[in-house]
N, C-alpha and C. Protein backbone atom coordinates (compact mmCIF):
# COMPACT_ATOMS: atom_id res chain seq x y z
N MET A 1 95.86 114.42 193.73
CA MET A 1 95.50 114.10 192.94
C MET A 1 95.96 114.43 191.61
N ALA A 2 95.92 113.07 190.84
CA ALA A 2 96.13 113.21 190.06
C ALA A 2 95.22 113.37 188.64
N VAL A 3 94.94 113.74 187.75
CA VAL A 3 94.37 114.10 186.72
C VAL A 3 94.69 113.94 185.27
N HIS A 4 94.04 112.07 185.10
CA HIS A 4 95.04 111.50 183.37
C HIS A 4 94.06 112.15 182.41
N LEU A 5 94.26 112.44 181.34
CA LEU A 5 93.36 113.07 180.23
C LEU A 5 93.75 112.33 179.15
N LYS A 6 92.69 111.87 178.00
CA LYS A 6 93.48 111.51 176.95
C LYS A 6 93.10 112.43 176.12
N SER A 7 93.95 112.37 175.42
CA SER A 7 93.89 113.00 174.52
C SER A 7 93.32 112.86 172.37
N ASP A 8 92.29 113.55 172.16
CA ASP A 8 91.98 112.97 171.71
C ASP A 8 92.78 112.98 169.20
N LEU A 9 94.02 113.87 170.42
CA LEU A 9 95.20 114.09 169.17
C LEU A 9 96.58 113.11 169.29
N GLU A 10 96.42 112.23 169.64
CA GLU A 10 97.32 111.06 169.62
C GLU A 10 97.42 110.34 168.47
N GLU A 11 98.71 110.33 168.11
CA GLU A 11 98.62 109.47 166.45
C GLU A 11 98.34 107.72 167.33
N THR A 12 98.14 107.46 165.92
CA THR A 12 97.46 105.73 165.99
C THR A 12 98.47 105.75 164.96
N HIS A 13 99.26 104.03 165.65
CA HIS A 13 100.84 103.93 164.28
C HIS A 13 100.05 102.25 163.90
N GLU A 14 99.43 102.61 163.21
CA GLU A 14 98.47 101.80 162.26
C GLU A 14 98.39 101.84 160.62
N ILE A 15 98.42 100.89 159.77
CA ILE A 15 97.98 101.11 158.75
C ILE A 15 96.67 100.30 158.67
N ASN A 16 96.27 101.02 157.42
CA ASN A 16 95.15 100.71 157.17
C ASN A 16 95.33 100.32 155.73
N VAL A 17 95.54 98.60 155.70
CA VAL A 17 95.70 98.17 154.68
C VAL A 17 94.67 98.20 153.78
N THR A 18 93.54 98.33 153.91
CA THR A 18 92.21 97.61 153.29
C THR A 18 92.19 98.47 151.76
N PRO A 19 92.05 99.96 151.89
CA PRO A 19 91.93 100.95 150.70
C PRO A 19 93.20 100.95 149.93
N PHE A 20 94.50 99.48 150.14
CA PHE A 20 95.25 100.22 149.37
C PHE A 20 95.16 98.31 148.74
N ILE A 21 94.45 97.65 149.66
CA ILE A 21 94.28 96.08 148.72
C ILE A 21 92.94 96.60 147.15
N ASP A 22 91.83 97.51 148.12
CA ASP A 22 90.78 98.08 146.94
C ASP A 22 91.54 98.14 145.57
N VAL A 23 92.53 99.25 145.77
CA VAL A 23 92.72 100.32 144.67
C VAL A 23 93.80 99.52 143.85
N ILE A 24 94.40 98.27 144.65
CA ILE A 24 95.50 96.92 143.91
C ILE A 24 94.68 96.38 142.65
N LEU A 25 93.27 96.50 143.79
CA LEU A 25 92.21 94.91 142.69
C LEU A 25 91.71 95.72 141.58
N VAL A 26 91.77 96.65 142.09
CA VAL A 26 91.02 98.03 140.62
C VAL A 26 91.52 97.92 139.65
N LEU A 27 92.89 98.63 139.58
CA LEU A 27 94.22 97.84 138.50
C LEU A 27 94.67 97.04 138.26
N LEU A 28 93.77 96.05 138.77
CA LEU A 28 94.46 94.73 138.16
C LEU A 28 93.04 93.74 137.40
N ILE A 29 92.14 94.63 137.30
CA ILE A 29 90.75 94.40 136.37
C ILE A 29 91.25 95.32 135.15
N ILE A 30 91.51 96.34 135.64
CA ILE A 30 91.78 97.54 135.02
C ILE A 30 92.84 96.52 133.73
N PHE A 31 93.79 96.51 133.84
CA PHE A 31 94.44 96.48 132.84
C PHE A 31 94.41 94.78 132.22
N MET A 32 93.64 94.09 133.01
CA MET A 32 93.24 92.41 132.90
C MET A 32 92.93 92.70 131.44
N VAL A 33 91.89 93.53 131.47
CA VAL A 33 90.91 94.39 130.63
C VAL A 33 91.66 95.05 129.10
N ALA A 34 92.54 95.80 129.77
CA ALA A 34 92.79 96.74 128.50
C ALA A 34 93.89 95.49 127.75
N ALA A 35 94.70 94.91 128.36
CA ALA A 35 96.10 94.00 127.90
C ALA A 35 95.44 92.77 127.18
N PRO A 36 94.27 92.46 126.75
CA PRO A 36 93.64 92.26 125.52
C PRO A 36 93.55 93.28 124.27
N LEU A 37 92.93 94.35 124.44
CA LEU A 37 92.81 95.29 123.92
C LEU A 37 93.87 95.89 123.17
N ALA A 38 94.49 95.96 123.96
CA ALA A 38 96.11 96.68 122.88
C ALA A 38 96.82 95.80 122.14
N THR A 39 96.47 94.32 122.08
CA THR A 39 97.30 93.21 121.07
C THR A 39 95.99 93.27 119.87
N VAL A 40 95.29 93.65 119.94
CA VAL A 40 94.01 94.05 118.75
C VAL A 40 94.11 93.71 116.98
N ASP A 41 94.18 92.77 116.12
CA ASP A 41 94.96 92.52 115.28
C ASP A 41 93.68 93.49 114.49
N LEU A 42 94.13 93.20 113.25
CA LEU A 42 92.86 92.47 111.64
C LEU A 42 92.91 91.26 111.43
N PRO A 43 91.24 90.67 111.61
CA PRO A 43 91.24 89.17 110.87
C PRO A 43 92.41 88.96 109.68
N VAL A 44 92.92 88.45 109.51
CA VAL A 44 93.23 87.83 108.18
C VAL A 44 93.32 86.80 108.64
N ASP A 45 93.44 85.11 107.43
CA ASP A 45 92.97 84.12 107.26
C ASP A 45 94.67 84.13 106.27
N LEU A 46 95.94 83.94 106.76
CA LEU A 46 96.88 83.91 106.19
C LEU A 46 97.44 82.58 105.16
N PRO A 47 97.31 82.28 104.16
CA PRO A 47 98.31 81.20 103.47
C PRO A 47 99.12 80.72 104.30
N ALA A 48 99.31 80.19 104.13
CA ALA A 48 100.23 78.55 105.06
C ALA A 48 101.39 78.39 103.68
N SER A 49 103.09 78.34 104.65
CA SER A 49 104.46 78.48 103.84
C SER A 49 104.95 77.54 104.43
N ASN A 50 106.11 77.26 103.41
CA ASN A 50 107.10 76.40 104.00
C ASN A 50 108.48 76.55 103.76
N ALA A 51 108.69 77.72 103.39
CA ALA A 51 109.69 78.75 103.59
C ALA A 51 109.75 78.50 105.20
N ALA A 52 111.39 78.76 105.42
CA ALA A 52 112.51 79.70 106.44
C ALA A 52 111.98 80.89 106.42
N PRO A 53 111.16 81.09 108.45
CA PRO A 53 111.89 82.60 108.32
C PRO A 53 112.24 83.20 108.53
N HIS A 54 112.27 84.21 108.13
CA HIS A 54 113.56 85.40 108.10
C HIS A 54 112.62 86.12 109.67
N GLU A 55 113.75 87.26 109.98
CA GLU A 55 113.89 87.74 111.25
C GLU A 55 113.26 89.36 111.39
N LYS A 56 111.93 89.27 111.80
CA LYS A 56 111.70 90.87 111.81
C LYS A 56 112.39 91.79 112.32
N PRO A 57 111.86 93.52 111.79
CA PRO A 57 112.40 94.33 112.54
C PRO A 57 111.59 95.00 113.58
N ASP A 58 112.22 95.66 114.44
CA ASP A 58 111.73 95.50 115.63
C ASP A 58 110.05 95.67 115.42
N LYS A 59 110.18 96.95 114.39
CA LYS A 59 108.66 98.06 114.77
C LYS A 59 108.99 97.68 112.26
N PRO A 60 107.73 96.64 111.75
CA PRO A 60 107.78 95.95 110.78
C PRO A 60 106.26 97.30 111.11
N VAL A 61 106.68 97.76 109.37
CA VAL A 61 105.35 98.45 108.55
C VAL A 61 104.29 97.11 107.92
N TYR A 62 104.00 96.88 108.34
CA TYR A 62 102.19 96.06 107.69
C TYR A 62 101.83 96.75 106.87
N VAL A 63 101.30 96.26 105.82
CA VAL A 63 99.98 96.95 104.13
C VAL A 63 99.02 95.49 104.88
N THR A 64 98.07 95.75 104.36
CA THR A 64 97.03 94.53 105.12
C THR A 64 96.25 94.97 104.49
N ILE A 65 95.79 93.91 103.85
CA ILE A 65 94.76 93.61 102.20
C ILE A 65 93.27 92.63 102.82
N GLN A 66 92.20 92.89 103.05
CA GLN A 66 91.26 92.19 103.94
C GLN A 66 90.53 91.30 103.21
N SER A 67 89.59 90.92 103.93
CA SER A 67 89.19 89.55 102.15
C SER A 67 87.67 90.48 102.13
N ASP A 68 87.39 91.54 102.63
CA ASP A 68 86.17 92.55 101.76
C ASP A 68 87.54 93.40 100.87
N LEU A 69 89.20 92.93 100.85
CA LEU A 69 89.66 93.70 100.08
C LEU A 69 89.68 95.50 99.91
N ALA A 70 89.25 95.85 101.17
CA ALA A 70 89.91 96.76 102.43
C ALA A 70 91.31 97.06 102.66
N LEU A 71 91.99 98.01 102.13
CA LEU A 71 92.96 97.68 102.99
C LEU A 71 93.63 98.57 104.52
N ALA A 72 94.61 98.25 104.74
CA ALA A 72 95.17 98.73 106.53
C ALA A 72 96.56 98.79 106.04
N LEU A 73 97.15 99.45 107.06
CA LEU A 73 98.33 100.42 106.88
C LEU A 73 98.54 99.64 108.62
N GLY A 74 98.97 99.18 109.20
CA GLY A 74 99.28 98.67 110.38
C GLY A 74 98.16 98.42 111.05
N GLU A 75 97.53 99.34 111.76
CA GLU A 75 95.93 98.58 112.09
C GLU A 75 95.07 99.56 110.95
N THR A 76 95.39 101.45 110.70
CA THR A 76 94.37 101.73 110.16
C THR A 76 93.95 101.80 109.10
N PRO A 77 93.22 101.82 108.62
CA PRO A 77 92.01 102.09 107.52
C PRO A 77 92.58 102.57 106.28
N VAL A 78 92.66 102.42 105.60
CA VAL A 78 93.31 102.99 104.37
C VAL A 78 92.93 102.64 103.20
N LYS A 79 92.40 103.54 101.59
CA LYS A 79 91.83 103.52 100.96
C LYS A 79 92.98 103.47 99.97
N ARG A 80 93.00 102.20 98.96
CA ARG A 80 93.22 102.05 98.59
C ARG A 80 94.34 103.92 97.28
N LYS A 81 94.15 104.21 96.71
CA LYS A 81 94.54 105.68 95.93
C LYS A 81 95.34 106.03 97.40
N ASP A 82 95.28 105.60 98.83
CA ASP A 82 95.80 106.97 99.83
C ASP A 82 96.72 105.89 100.35
N LEU A 83 97.40 104.91 99.62
CA LEU A 83 97.81 104.06 100.11
C LEU A 83 99.65 104.53 100.27
N VAL A 84 99.99 105.16 99.33
CA VAL A 84 101.05 105.51 99.11
C VAL A 84 102.23 106.71 99.46
N SER A 85 100.43 107.65 99.69
CA SER A 85 101.00 108.81 101.14
C SER A 85 101.15 108.64 102.35
N ALA A 86 100.01 107.21 102.49
CA ALA A 86 99.71 107.57 103.79
C ALA A 86 101.04 106.43 104.66
N LEU A 87 101.61 106.03 103.26
CA LEU A 87 103.03 105.41 104.08
C LEU A 87 104.30 106.25 104.07
N ASP A 88 103.66 107.18 102.32
CA ASP A 88 105.02 108.83 102.85
C ASP A 88 105.12 109.44 104.38
N THR A 89 104.01 109.64 104.48
CA THR A 89 103.94 110.29 105.90
C THR A 89 104.13 108.66 106.59
N HIS A 90 103.86 107.71 107.50
CA HIS A 90 104.34 106.83 108.12
C HIS A 90 105.67 106.81 107.83
N LEU A 91 106.51 106.68 106.86
CA LEU A 91 107.82 106.36 107.02
C LEU A 91 108.18 107.51 106.27
N HIS A 92 110.06 107.60 106.52
CA HIS A 92 110.44 108.91 106.15
C HIS A 92 111.21 108.16 104.96
N ASP A 93 111.37 107.09 105.04
CA ASP A 93 112.96 105.80 103.52
C ASP A 93 111.78 105.25 103.78
N LYS A 94 111.98 105.10 101.84
CA LYS A 94 111.36 104.11 101.30
C LYS A 94 112.24 102.94 101.15
N SER A 95 113.82 103.22 101.53
CA SER A 95 114.04 101.93 101.18
C SER A 95 113.82 100.97 102.34
N LYS A 96 112.79 101.37 103.17
CA LYS A 96 112.26 99.76 105.00
C LYS A 96 111.77 99.46 103.95
N ARG A 97 111.32 97.88 104.55
CA ARG A 97 111.29 96.59 104.64
C ARG A 97 109.72 97.06 104.76
N ILE A 98 108.76 96.88 103.96
CA ILE A 98 106.68 96.73 103.81
C ILE A 98 106.72 95.08 103.94
N PHE A 99 105.88 94.74 104.23
CA PHE A 99 105.32 93.42 104.63
C PHE A 99 103.54 92.91 104.57
N LEU A 100 103.94 93.10 103.34
CA LEU A 100 102.46 92.19 102.43
C LEU A 100 101.67 91.28 103.38
N ARG A 101 100.62 91.78 104.04
CA ARG A 101 99.28 90.33 104.57
C ARG A 101 98.15 90.49 103.41
N ALA A 102 98.05 89.87 103.24
CA ALA A 102 96.86 89.21 102.27
C ALA A 102 95.87 87.91 102.57
N ASP A 103 94.79 88.39 103.52
CA ASP A 103 93.42 86.90 103.38
C ASP A 103 93.65 86.08 102.23
N ALA A 104 93.72 84.84 102.42
CA ALA A 104 93.44 83.26 101.50
C ALA A 104 92.74 83.87 100.47
N SER A 105 91.44 84.48 100.61
CA SER A 105 90.64 84.45 99.93
C SER A 105 91.20 86.04 99.02
N VAL A 106 91.41 86.14 99.42
CA VAL A 106 91.73 87.96 98.29
C VAL A 106 92.68 87.07 96.87
N PRO A 107 91.90 87.53 95.73
CA PRO A 107 91.85 87.25 94.59
C PRO A 107 93.81 87.84 93.70
N TYR A 108 94.08 86.96 93.39
CA TYR A 108 95.60 87.27 92.88
C TYR A 108 95.82 88.61 92.21
N GLY A 109 95.02 88.93 91.33
CA GLY A 109 95.15 90.21 90.37
C GLY A 109 94.72 90.98 92.06
N GLU A 110 94.53 91.27 92.95
CA GLU A 110 94.17 92.02 93.70
C GLU A 110 94.98 92.47 94.13
N MET A 111 96.45 91.34 94.77
CA MET A 111 97.11 91.83 95.20
C MET A 111 98.42 92.18 94.68
N MET A 112 98.62 91.81 93.65
CA MET A 112 99.56 92.15 92.68
C MET A 112 99.46 93.49 92.04
N ALA A 113 97.82 94.63 92.27
CA ALA A 113 98.04 95.72 92.31
C ALA A 113 97.86 96.39 93.26
N VAL A 114 98.09 96.21 94.87
CA VAL A 114 98.49 96.58 95.73
C VAL A 114 99.66 96.95 95.53
N LEU A 115 100.35 95.08 95.13
CA LEU A 115 101.73 95.76 95.00
C LEU A 115 102.20 96.13 93.87
N GLU A 116 102.20 96.60 92.57
CA GLU A 116 102.86 97.48 91.68
C GLU A 116 101.93 98.96 92.15
N SER A 117 101.09 99.07 92.93
CA SER A 117 101.08 100.93 93.59
C SER A 117 101.58 101.35 94.68
N LEU A 118 102.55 99.72 95.24
CA LEU A 118 103.49 99.82 95.96
C LEU A 118 104.84 100.17 94.94
N ARG A 119 105.07 99.43 93.70
CA ARG A 119 106.58 100.00 93.11
C ARG A 119 106.55 101.10 92.39
N ALA A 120 105.15 101.48 91.53
CA ALA A 120 104.69 102.68 91.60
C ALA A 120 105.16 103.58 92.05
N GLY A 121 104.77 103.61 93.50
CA GLY A 121 104.71 105.11 94.65
C GLY A 121 107.00 105.48 94.90
N GLY A 122 107.89 104.07 94.35
CA GLY A 122 108.56 104.09 95.14
C GLY A 122 109.13 103.20 96.03
N TYR A 123 108.11 102.18 96.32
CA TYR A 123 108.33 100.76 97.19
C TYR A 123 108.59 99.94 97.02
N LEU A 124 110.32 99.39 97.21
CA LEU A 124 110.58 98.24 96.18
C LEU A 124 111.02 96.88 97.09
N ARG A 125 111.08 97.89 98.46
CA ARG A 125 111.61 96.32 99.07
C ARG A 125 109.64 95.95 100.01
N VAL A 126 108.96 94.85 99.53
CA VAL A 126 108.28 94.15 99.53
C VAL A 126 107.67 93.07 100.01
N ALA A 127 107.67 92.79 101.41
CA ALA A 127 107.71 90.59 101.80
C ALA A 127 106.50 90.85 101.90
N LEU A 128 106.21 89.19 101.63
CA LEU A 128 105.23 88.15 101.63
C LEU A 128 104.94 87.72 102.80
N VAL A 129 103.88 88.34 103.39
CA VAL A 129 103.49 87.45 104.60
C VAL A 129 102.10 86.14 104.14
N ALA A 130 103.45 85.42 105.15
CA ALA A 130 102.40 84.09 105.48
C ALA A 130 102.41 83.24 107.01
N LEU A 131 101.89 82.16 106.86
CA LEU A 131 102.21 81.80 108.07
C LEU A 131 102.63 80.30 108.15
N ASP A 132 103.59 79.56 108.48
CA ASP A 132 104.26 78.76 108.36
C ASP A 132 103.51 77.33 108.17
N ALA A 133 104.32 76.68 108.42
CA ALA A 133 103.46 75.20 107.76
C ALA A 133 102.53 74.66 108.77
N GLY A 134 102.62 75.08 110.56
CA GLY A 134 102.07 75.02 111.43
C GLY A 134 101.29 75.79 111.78
N GLY A 135 100.44 77.08 111.15
CA GLY A 135 99.85 77.51 111.20
C GLY A 135 100.30 78.79 112.77
N ARG A 136 101.63 78.90 113.04
CA ARG A 136 102.27 79.43 113.90
C ARG A 136 102.98 80.73 113.06
N GLU A 137 104.05 81.35 114.32
CA GLU A 137 103.89 82.61 113.95
C GLU A 137 103.66 83.43 112.00
N PRO A 138 103.55 84.50 111.96
CA PRO A 138 103.56 84.35 110.79
C PRO A 138 105.27 85.07 110.33
N SER A 139 105.76 84.70 109.05
CA SER A 139 106.76 84.64 108.47
C SER A 139 107.19 85.68 107.28
N ALA A 140 108.54 86.20 106.93
CA ALA A 140 108.11 87.07 106.09
C ALA A 140 109.09 86.01 105.10
N GLN A 141 108.82 86.39 103.39
CA GLN A 141 109.09 85.87 102.19
C GLN A 141 109.92 86.64 101.19
């Protein structure tokens, strides 16, 4: 008399891919939401220029004057009196080029005051950033 007992310990050789697909879809949604947030930039209405664009360095340092005359180093807000000290902590070389972006509505005197404070702090290599005539990628003047 042969008795065949089926054991519950037998291995199944099937892969359940449903949880894997769920995880991949959740990761896809997370990256789709996070990717645009990683490229957030300060809203600045740059004036247009017909000059030939120059090559940008790998990691440019931007000083931005917004329409409400607020200053920012990169995307970090900074007070006007603390601009040079913030640049000193961010950069260790005063000969590196700084890109100055100013909203089109910023008065000329305000932009010159920021340029003067940069010059007084020892930052002499300042490039002005503008949109090219077609309104495309910013270029340095």
